[in-house]
Amino acid sequence: MRKTHSYYDYEVYEYWPDCHRDKCLGYAYTIYKKETDKIVRESEEWFDSEAQAGFAAIGHISLLENGEG
């Protein structure tokens, strides 16, 4: 489910790489331009919990807004 933070939407999802089809290794996120399907950024790492991935997405959105992301 997508959530909104500032001028962006983000979605946290379970991370299932091809080499571990039977086991979720963690969580990752995708950041979208608000109210569109245009992907702005995808996480380059996975996180141990859904909450950690959500906090990381919000942190990355803050960087994007400051021209650093």
PDB file of N, CA and C in Angstrom:
ATOM      1  N   MET A   1       0.843  -1.172   0.000  1.00  0.00           N
ATOM      2  CA  MET A   1       0.000   0.000   0.000  1.00  0.00           C
ATOM      3  C   MET A   1       0.899   1.250   0.000  1.00  0.00           C
ATOM      4  N   ARG A   2       0.586   2.172  -0.867  1.00  0.00           N
ATOM      5  CA  ARG A   2       1.354   3.415  -0.955  1.00  0.00           C
ATOM      6  C   ARG A   2       0.995   4.376   0.170  1.00  0.00           C
ATOM      7  N   LYS A   3       2.010   5.082   0.613  1.00  0.00           N
ATOM      8  CA  LYS A   3       1.828   6.135   1.603  1.00  0.00           C
ATOM      9  C   LYS A   3       2.398   7.417   1.018  1.00  0.00           C
ATOM     10  N   THR A   4       1.967   8.544   1.554  1.00  0.00           N
ATOM     11  CA  THR A   4       2.443   9.833   1.062  1.00  0.00           C
ATOM     12  C   THR A   4       3.288  10.513   2.124  1.00  0.00           C
ATOM     13  N   HIS A   5       4.391  11.098   1.676  1.00  0.00           N
ATOM     14  CA  HIS A   5       5.224  11.929   2.535  1.00  0.00           C
ATOM     15  C   HIS A   5       5.653  13.123   1.708  1.00  0.00           C
ATOM     16  N   SER A   6       5.193  14.288   2.073  1.00  0.00           N
ATOM     17  CA  SER A   6       5.523  15.525   1.382  1.00  0.00           C
ATOM     18  C   SER A   6       5.075  15.459  -0.069  1.00  0.00           C
ATOM     19  N   TYR A   7       5.987  15.635  -1.009  1.00  0.00           N
ATOM     20  CA  TYR A   7       5.632  15.669  -2.426  1.00  0.00           C
ATOM     21  C   TYR A   7       5.846  14.325  -3.120  1.00  0.00           C
ATOM     22  N   TYR A   8       5.992  13.271  -2.362  1.00  0.00           N
ATOM     23  CA  TYR A   8       6.269  11.946  -2.911  1.00  0.00           C
ATOM     24  C   TYR A   8       5.363  10.897  -2.283  1.00  0.00           C
ATOM     25  N   ASP A   9       5.156   9.816  -3.024  1.00  0.00           N
ATOM     26  CA  ASP A   9       4.519   8.616  -2.484  1.00  0.00           C
ATOM     27  C   ASP A   9       5.616   7.571  -2.338  1.00  0.00           C
ATOM     28  N   TYR A  10       5.426   6.643  -1.417  1.00  0.00           N
ATOM     29  CA  TYR A  10       6.381   5.540  -1.305  1.00  0.00           C
ATOM     30  C   TYR A  10       5.629   4.269  -0.938  1.00  0.00           C
ATOM     31  N   GLU A  11       6.253   3.165  -1.279  1.00  0.00           N
ATOM     32  CA  GLU A  11       5.661   1.868  -1.012  1.00  0.00           C
ATOM     33  C   GLU A  11       6.743   0.955  -0.450  1.00  0.00           C
ATOM     34  N   VAL A  12       6.436   0.287   0.636  1.00  0.00           N
ATOM     35  CA  VAL A  12       7.344  -0.683   1.241  1.00  0.00           C
ATOM     36  C   VAL A  12       6.815  -2.069   0.872  1.00  0.00           C
ATOM     37  N   TYR A  13       7.719  -2.956   0.506  1.00  0.00           N
ATOM     38  CA  TYR A  13       7.308  -4.299   0.094  1.00  0.00           C
ATOM     39  C   TYR A  13       8.334  -5.325   0.563  1.00  0.00           C
ATOM     40  N   GLU A  14       7.894  -6.580   0.594  1.00  0.00           N
ATOM     41  CA  GLU A  14       8.798  -7.663   0.957  1.00  0.00           C
ATOM     42  C   GLU A  14       9.814  -7.868  -0.156  1.00  0.00           C
ATOM     43  N   TYR A  15      11.051  -8.105   0.230  1.00  0.00           N
ATOM     44  CA  TYR A  15      12.141  -8.284  -0.716  1.00  0.00           C
ATOM     45  C   TYR A  15      12.395  -9.777  -0.915  1.00  0.00           C
ATOM     46  N   TRP A  16      12.121 -10.255  -2.115  1.00  0.00           N
ATOM     47  CA  TRP A  16      12.283 -11.664  -2.473  1.00  0.00           C
ATOM     48  C   TRP A  16      13.210 -11.770  -3.678  1.00  0.00           C
ATOM     49  N   PRO A  17      14.509 -11.781  -3.515  1.00  0.00           N
ATOM     50  CA  PRO A  17      15.387 -11.915  -4.685  1.00  0.00           C
ATOM     51  C   PRO A  17      15.239 -13.300  -5.317  1.00  0.00           C
ATOM     52  N   ASP A  18      15.577 -13.396  -6.571  1.00  0.00           N
ATOM     53  CA  ASP A  18      15.428 -14.654  -7.308  1.00  0.00           C
ATOM     54  C   ASP A  18      16.136 -15.828  -6.648  1.00  0.00           C
ATOM     55  N   CYS A  19      17.267 -15.562  -6.033  1.00  0.00           N
ATOM     56  CA  CYS A  19      18.036 -16.666  -5.448  1.00  0.00           C
ATOM     57  C   CYS A  19      17.426 -17.195  -4.152  1.00  0.00           C
ATOM     58  N   HIS A  20      16.428 -16.520  -3.604  1.00  0.00           N
ATOM     59  CA  HIS A  20      15.783 -16.952  -2.358  1.00  0.00           C
ATOM     60  C   HIS A  20      14.268 -16.947  -2.522  1.00  0.00           C
ATOM     61  N   ARG A  21      13.775 -17.616  -3.523  1.00  0.00           N
ATOM     62  CA  ARG A  21      12.342 -17.581  -3.846  1.00  0.00           C
ATOM     63  C   ARG A  21      11.454 -18.078  -2.713  1.00  0.00           C
ATOM     64  N   ASP A  22      12.009 -18.882  -1.835  1.00  0.00           N
ATOM     65  CA  ASP A  22      11.192 -19.455  -0.764  1.00  0.00           C
ATOM     66  C   ASP A  22      11.286 -18.682   0.550  1.00  0.00           C
ATOM     67  N   LYS A  23      12.080 -17.615   0.575  1.00  0.00           N
ATOM     68  CA  LYS A  23      12.285 -16.913   1.838  1.00  0.00           C
ATOM     69  C   LYS A  23      12.415 -15.406   1.609  1.00  0.00           C
ATOM     70  N   CYS A  24      11.578 -14.649   2.284  1.00  0.00           N
ATOM     71  CA  CYS A  24      11.687 -13.192   2.250  1.00  0.00           C
ATOM     72  C   CYS A  24      12.928 -12.793   3.044  1.00  0.00           C
ATOM     73  N   LEU A  25      13.811 -12.032   2.411  1.00  0.00           N
ATOM     74  CA  LEU A  25      15.032 -11.619   3.101  1.00  0.00           C
ATOM     75  C   LEU A  25      14.877 -10.311   3.858  1.00  0.00           C
ATOM     76  N   GLY A  26      13.789  -9.619   3.639  1.00  0.00           N
ATOM     77  CA  GLY A  26      13.594  -8.344   4.313  1.00  0.00           C
ATOM     78  C   GLY A  26      12.604  -7.490   3.559  1.00  0.00           C
ATOM     79  N   TYR A  27      12.786  -6.187   3.664  1.00  0.00           N
ATOM     80  CA  TYR A  27      11.862  -5.229   3.062  1.00  0.00           C
ATOM     81  C   TYR A  27      12.644  -4.184   2.290  1.00  0.00           C
ATOM     82  N   ALA A  28      12.034  -3.673   1.228  1.00  0.00           N
ATOM     83  CA  ALA A  28      12.637  -2.632   0.404  1.00  0.00           C
ATOM     84  C   ALA A  28      11.558  -1.587   0.133  1.00  0.00           C
ATOM     85  N   TYR A  29      11.929  -0.515  -0.566  1.00  0.00           N
ATOM     86  CA  TYR A  29      10.947   0.534  -0.850  1.00  0.00           C
ATOM     87  C   TYR A  29      11.120   1.073  -2.261  1.00  0.00           C
ATOM     88  N   THR A  30      10.061   1.675  -2.760  1.00  0.00           N
ATOM     89  CA  THR A  30      10.071   2.412  -4.021  1.00  0.00           C
ATOM     90  C   THR A  30       9.447   3.769  -3.746  1.00  0.00           C
ATOM     91  N   ILE A  31      10.070   4.819  -4.271  1.00  0.00           N
ATOM     92  CA  ILE A  31       9.555   6.184  -4.130  1.00  0.00           C
ATOM     93  C   ILE A  31       9.018   6.624  -5.488  1.00  0.00           C
ATOM     94  N   TYR A  32       7.822   7.202  -5.475  1.00  0.00           N
ATOM     95  CA  TYR A  32       7.150   7.654  -6.691  1.00  0.00           C
ATOM     96  C   TYR A  32       6.903   9.159  -6.639  1.00  0.00           C
ATOM     97  N   LYS A  33       6.839   9.771  -7.807  1.00  0.00           N
ATOM     98  CA  LYS A  33       6.364  11.147  -7.888  1.00  0.00           C
ATOM     99  C   LYS A  33       4.912  11.117  -7.413  1.00  0.00           C
ATOM    100  N   LYS A  34       4.526  12.047  -6.586  1.00  0.00           N
ATOM    101  CA  LYS A  34       3.216  12.036  -5.940  1.00  0.00           C
ATOM    102  C   LYS A  34       2.078  11.863  -6.949  1.00  0.00           C
ATOM    103  N   GLU A  35       1.214  10.931  -6.628  1.00  0.00           N
ATOM    104  CA  GLU A  35      -0.008  10.637  -7.390  1.00  0.00           C
ATOM    105  C   GLU A  35       0.261  10.236  -8.836  1.00  0.00           C
ATOM    106  N   THR A  36       1.429   9.640  -9.103  1.00  0.00           N
ATOM    107  CA  THR A  36       1.738   9.106 -10.428  1.00  0.00           C
ATOM    108  C   THR A  36       2.376   7.732 -10.258  1.00  0.00           C
ATOM    109  N   ASP A  37       2.637   7.075 -11.377  1.00  0.00           N
ATOM    110  CA  ASP A  37       3.355   5.804 -11.338  1.00  0.00           C
ATOM    111  C   ASP A  37       4.825   5.980 -11.706  1.00  0.00           C
ATOM    112  N   LYS A  38       5.288   7.229 -11.808  1.00  0.00           N
ATOM    113  CA  LYS A  38       6.676   7.493 -12.169  1.00  0.00           C
ATOM    114  C   LYS A  38       7.589   7.199 -10.976  1.00  0.00           C
ATOM    115  N   ILE A  39       8.464   6.220 -11.156  1.00  0.00           N
ATOM    116  CA  ILE A  39       9.400   5.850 -10.097  1.00  0.00           C
ATOM    117  C   ILE A  39      10.528   6.870 -10.039  1.00  0.00           C
ATOM    118  N   VAL A  40      10.749   7.402  -8.849  1.00  0.00           N
ATOM    119  CA  VAL A  40      11.824   8.368  -8.628  1.00  0.00           C
ATOM    120  C   VAL A  40      13.067   7.642  -8.132  1.00  0.00           C
ATOM    121  N   ARG A  41      12.863   6.655  -7.260  1.00  0.00           N
ATOM    122  CA  ARG A  41      13.995   5.957  -6.659  1.00  0.00           C
ATOM    123  C   ARG A  41      13.535   4.617  -6.100  1.00  0.00           C
ATOM    124  N   GLU A  42      14.388   3.615  -6.231  1.00  0.00           N
ATOM    125  CA  GLU A  42      14.160   2.329  -5.598  1.00  0.00           C
ATOM    126  C   GLU A  42      15.294   2.083  -4.614  1.00  0.00           C
ATOM    127  N   SER A  43      14.977   1.436  -3.509  1.00  0.00           N
ATOM    128  CA  SER A  43      16.032   1.189  -2.526  1.00  0.00           C
ATOM    129  C   SER A  43      17.089   0.266  -3.120  1.00  0.00           C
ATOM    130  N   GLU A  44      18.316   0.499  -2.746  1.00  0.00           N
ATOM    131  CA  GLU A  44      19.432  -0.317  -3.220  1.00  0.00           C
ATOM    132  C   GLU A  44      19.862  -1.329  -2.170  1.00  0.00           C
ATOM    133  N   GLU A  45      19.098  -1.419  -1.111  1.00  0.00           N
ATOM    134  CA  GLU A  45      19.383  -2.379  -0.050  1.00  0.00           C
ATOM    135  C   GLU A  45      18.066  -2.855   0.543  1.00  0.00           C
ATOM    136  N   TRP A  46      18.120  -3.872   1.367  1.00  0.00           N
ATOM    137  CA  TRP A  46      16.922  -4.340   2.034  1.00  0.00           C
ATOM    138  C   TRP A  46      17.086  -4.154   3.534  1.00  0.00           C
ATOM    139  N   PHE A  47      15.955  -4.134   4.225  1.00  0.00           N
ATOM    140  CA  PHE A  47      15.918  -3.814   5.651  1.00  0.00           C
ATOM    141  C   PHE A  47      15.270  -4.962   6.417  1.00  0.00           C
ATOM    142  N   ASP A  48      15.603  -5.057   7.691  1.00  0.00           N
ATOM    143  CA  ASP A  48      15.104  -6.157   8.523  1.00  0.00           C
ATOM    144  C   ASP A  48      13.620  -6.072   8.830  1.00  0.00           C
ATOM    145  N   SER A  49      13.065  -4.867   8.833  1.00  0.00           N
ATOM    146  CA  SER A  49      11.647  -4.740   9.161  1.00  0.00           C
ATOM    147  C   SER A  49      10.969  -3.753   8.207  1.00  0.00           C
ATOM    148  N   GLU A  50       9.670  -3.878   8.159  1.00  0.00           N
ATOM    149  CA  GLU A  50       8.869  -2.970   7.338  1.00  0.00           C
ATOM    150  C   GLU A  50       9.026  -1.530   7.826  1.00  0.00           C
ATOM    151  N   ALA A  51       9.080  -1.361   9.147  1.00  0.00           N
ATOM    152  CA  ALA A  51       9.229  -0.022   9.731  1.00  0.00           C
ATOM    153  C   ALA A  51      10.569   0.604   9.340  1.00  0.00           C
ATOM    154  N   GLN A  52      11.654  -0.168   9.375  1.00  0.00           N
ATOM    155  CA  GLN A  52      12.962   0.362   8.985  1.00  0.00           C
ATOM    156  C   GLN A  52      12.951   0.812   7.527  1.00  0.00           C
ATOM    157  N   ALA A  53      12.340   0.030   6.659  1.00  0.00           N
ATOM    158  CA  ALA A  53      12.266   0.398   5.240  1.00  0.00           C
ATOM    159  C   ALA A  53      11.452   1.677   5.064  1.00  0.00           C
ATOM    160  N   GLY A  54      10.365   1.822   5.825  1.00  0.00           N
ATOM    161  CA  GLY A  54       9.549   3.036   5.760  1.00  0.00           C
ATOM    162  C   GLY A  54      10.321   4.262   6.220  1.00  0.00           C
ATOM    163  N   PHE A  55      11.068   4.130   7.322  1.00  0.00           N
ATOM    164  CA  PHE A  55      11.881   5.249   7.804  1.00  0.00           C
ATOM    165  C   PHE A  55      12.970   5.609   6.790  1.00  0.00           C
ATOM    166  N   ALA A  56      13.554   4.603   6.170  1.00  0.00           N
ATOM    167  CA  ALA A  56      14.586   4.857   5.161  1.00  0.00           C
ATOM    168  C   ALA A  56      13.996   5.583   3.953  1.00  0.00           C
ATOM    169  N   ALA A  57      12.803   5.192   3.542  1.00  0.00           N
ATOM    170  CA  ALA A  57      12.140   5.863   2.415  1.00  0.00           C
ATOM    171  C   ALA A  57      11.891   7.329   2.745  1.00  0.00           C
ATOM    172  N   ILE A  58      11.398   7.595   3.938  1.00  0.00           N
ATOM    173  CA  ILE A  58      11.141   8.982   4.352  1.00  0.00           C
ATOM    174  C   ILE A  58      12.452   9.769   4.413  1.00  0.00           C
ATOM    175  N   GLY A  59      13.496   9.142   4.904  1.00  0.00           N
ATOM    176  CA  GLY A  59      14.804   9.797   4.931  1.00  0.00           C
ATOM    177  C   GLY A  59      15.302  10.110   3.537  1.00  0.00           C
ATOM    178  N   HIS A  60      15.083   9.196   2.610  1.00  0.00           N
ATOM    179  CA  HIS A  60      15.524   9.431   1.235  1.00  0.00           C
ATOM    180  C   HIS A  60      14.689  10.534   0.582  1.00  0.00           C
ATOM    181  N   ILE A  61      13.414  10.584   0.909  1.00  0.00           N
ATOM    182  CA  ILE A  61      12.562  11.670   0.402  1.00  0.00           C
ATOM    183  C   ILE A  61      13.091  13.010   0.893  1.00  0.00           C
ATOM    184  N   SER A  62      13.501  13.086   2.142  1.00  0.00           N
ATOM    185  CA  SER A  62      14.077  14.330   2.671  1.00  0.00           C
ATOM    186  C   SER A  62      15.323  14.723   1.897  1.00  0.00           C
ATOM    187  N   LEU A  63      16.160  13.754   1.550  1.00  0.00           N
ATOM    188  CA  LEU A  63      17.340  14.047   0.743  1.00  0.00           C
ATOM    189  C   LEU A  63      16.947  14.567  -0.639  1.00  0.00           C
ATOM    190  N   LEU A  64      15.960  13.935  -1.258  1.00  0.00           N
ATOM    191  CA  LEU A  64      15.497  14.375  -2.568  1.00  0.00           C
ATOM    192  C   LEU A  64      15.025  15.821  -2.518  1.00  0.00           C
ATOM    193  N   GLU A  65      14.306  16.173  -1.474  1.00  0.00           N
ATOM    194  CA  GLU A  65      13.775  17.534  -1.345  1.00  0.00           C
ATOM    195  C   GLU A  65      14.881  18.562  -1.142  1.00  0.00           C
ATOM    196  N   ASN A  66      16.014  18.107  -0.609  1.00  0.00           N
ATOM    197  CA  ASN A  66      17.147  19.015  -0.390  1.00  0.00           C
ATOM    198  C   ASN A  66      18.156  18.961  -1.544  1.00  0.00           C
ATOM    199  N   GLY A  67      17.782  18.275  -2.622  1.00  0.00           N
ATOM    200  CA  GLY A  67      18.645  18.186  -3.785  1.00  0.00           C
ATOM    201  C   GLY A  67      19.837  17.268  -3.624  1.00  0.00           C
ATOM    202  N   GLU A  68      19.759  16.379  -2.652  1.00  0.00           N
ATOM    203  CA  GLU A  68      20.891  15.497  -2.371  1.00  0.00           C
ATOM    204  C   GLU A  68      20.665  14.070  -2.826  1.00  0.00           C
ATOM    205  N   GLY A  69      19.472  13.733  -3.243  1.00  0.00           N
ATOM    206  CA  GLY A  69      19.165  12.337  -3.543  1.00  0.00           C
ATOM    207  C   GLY A  69      19.157  12.054  -4.975  1.00  0.00           C
TER     208      GLY A  69
END
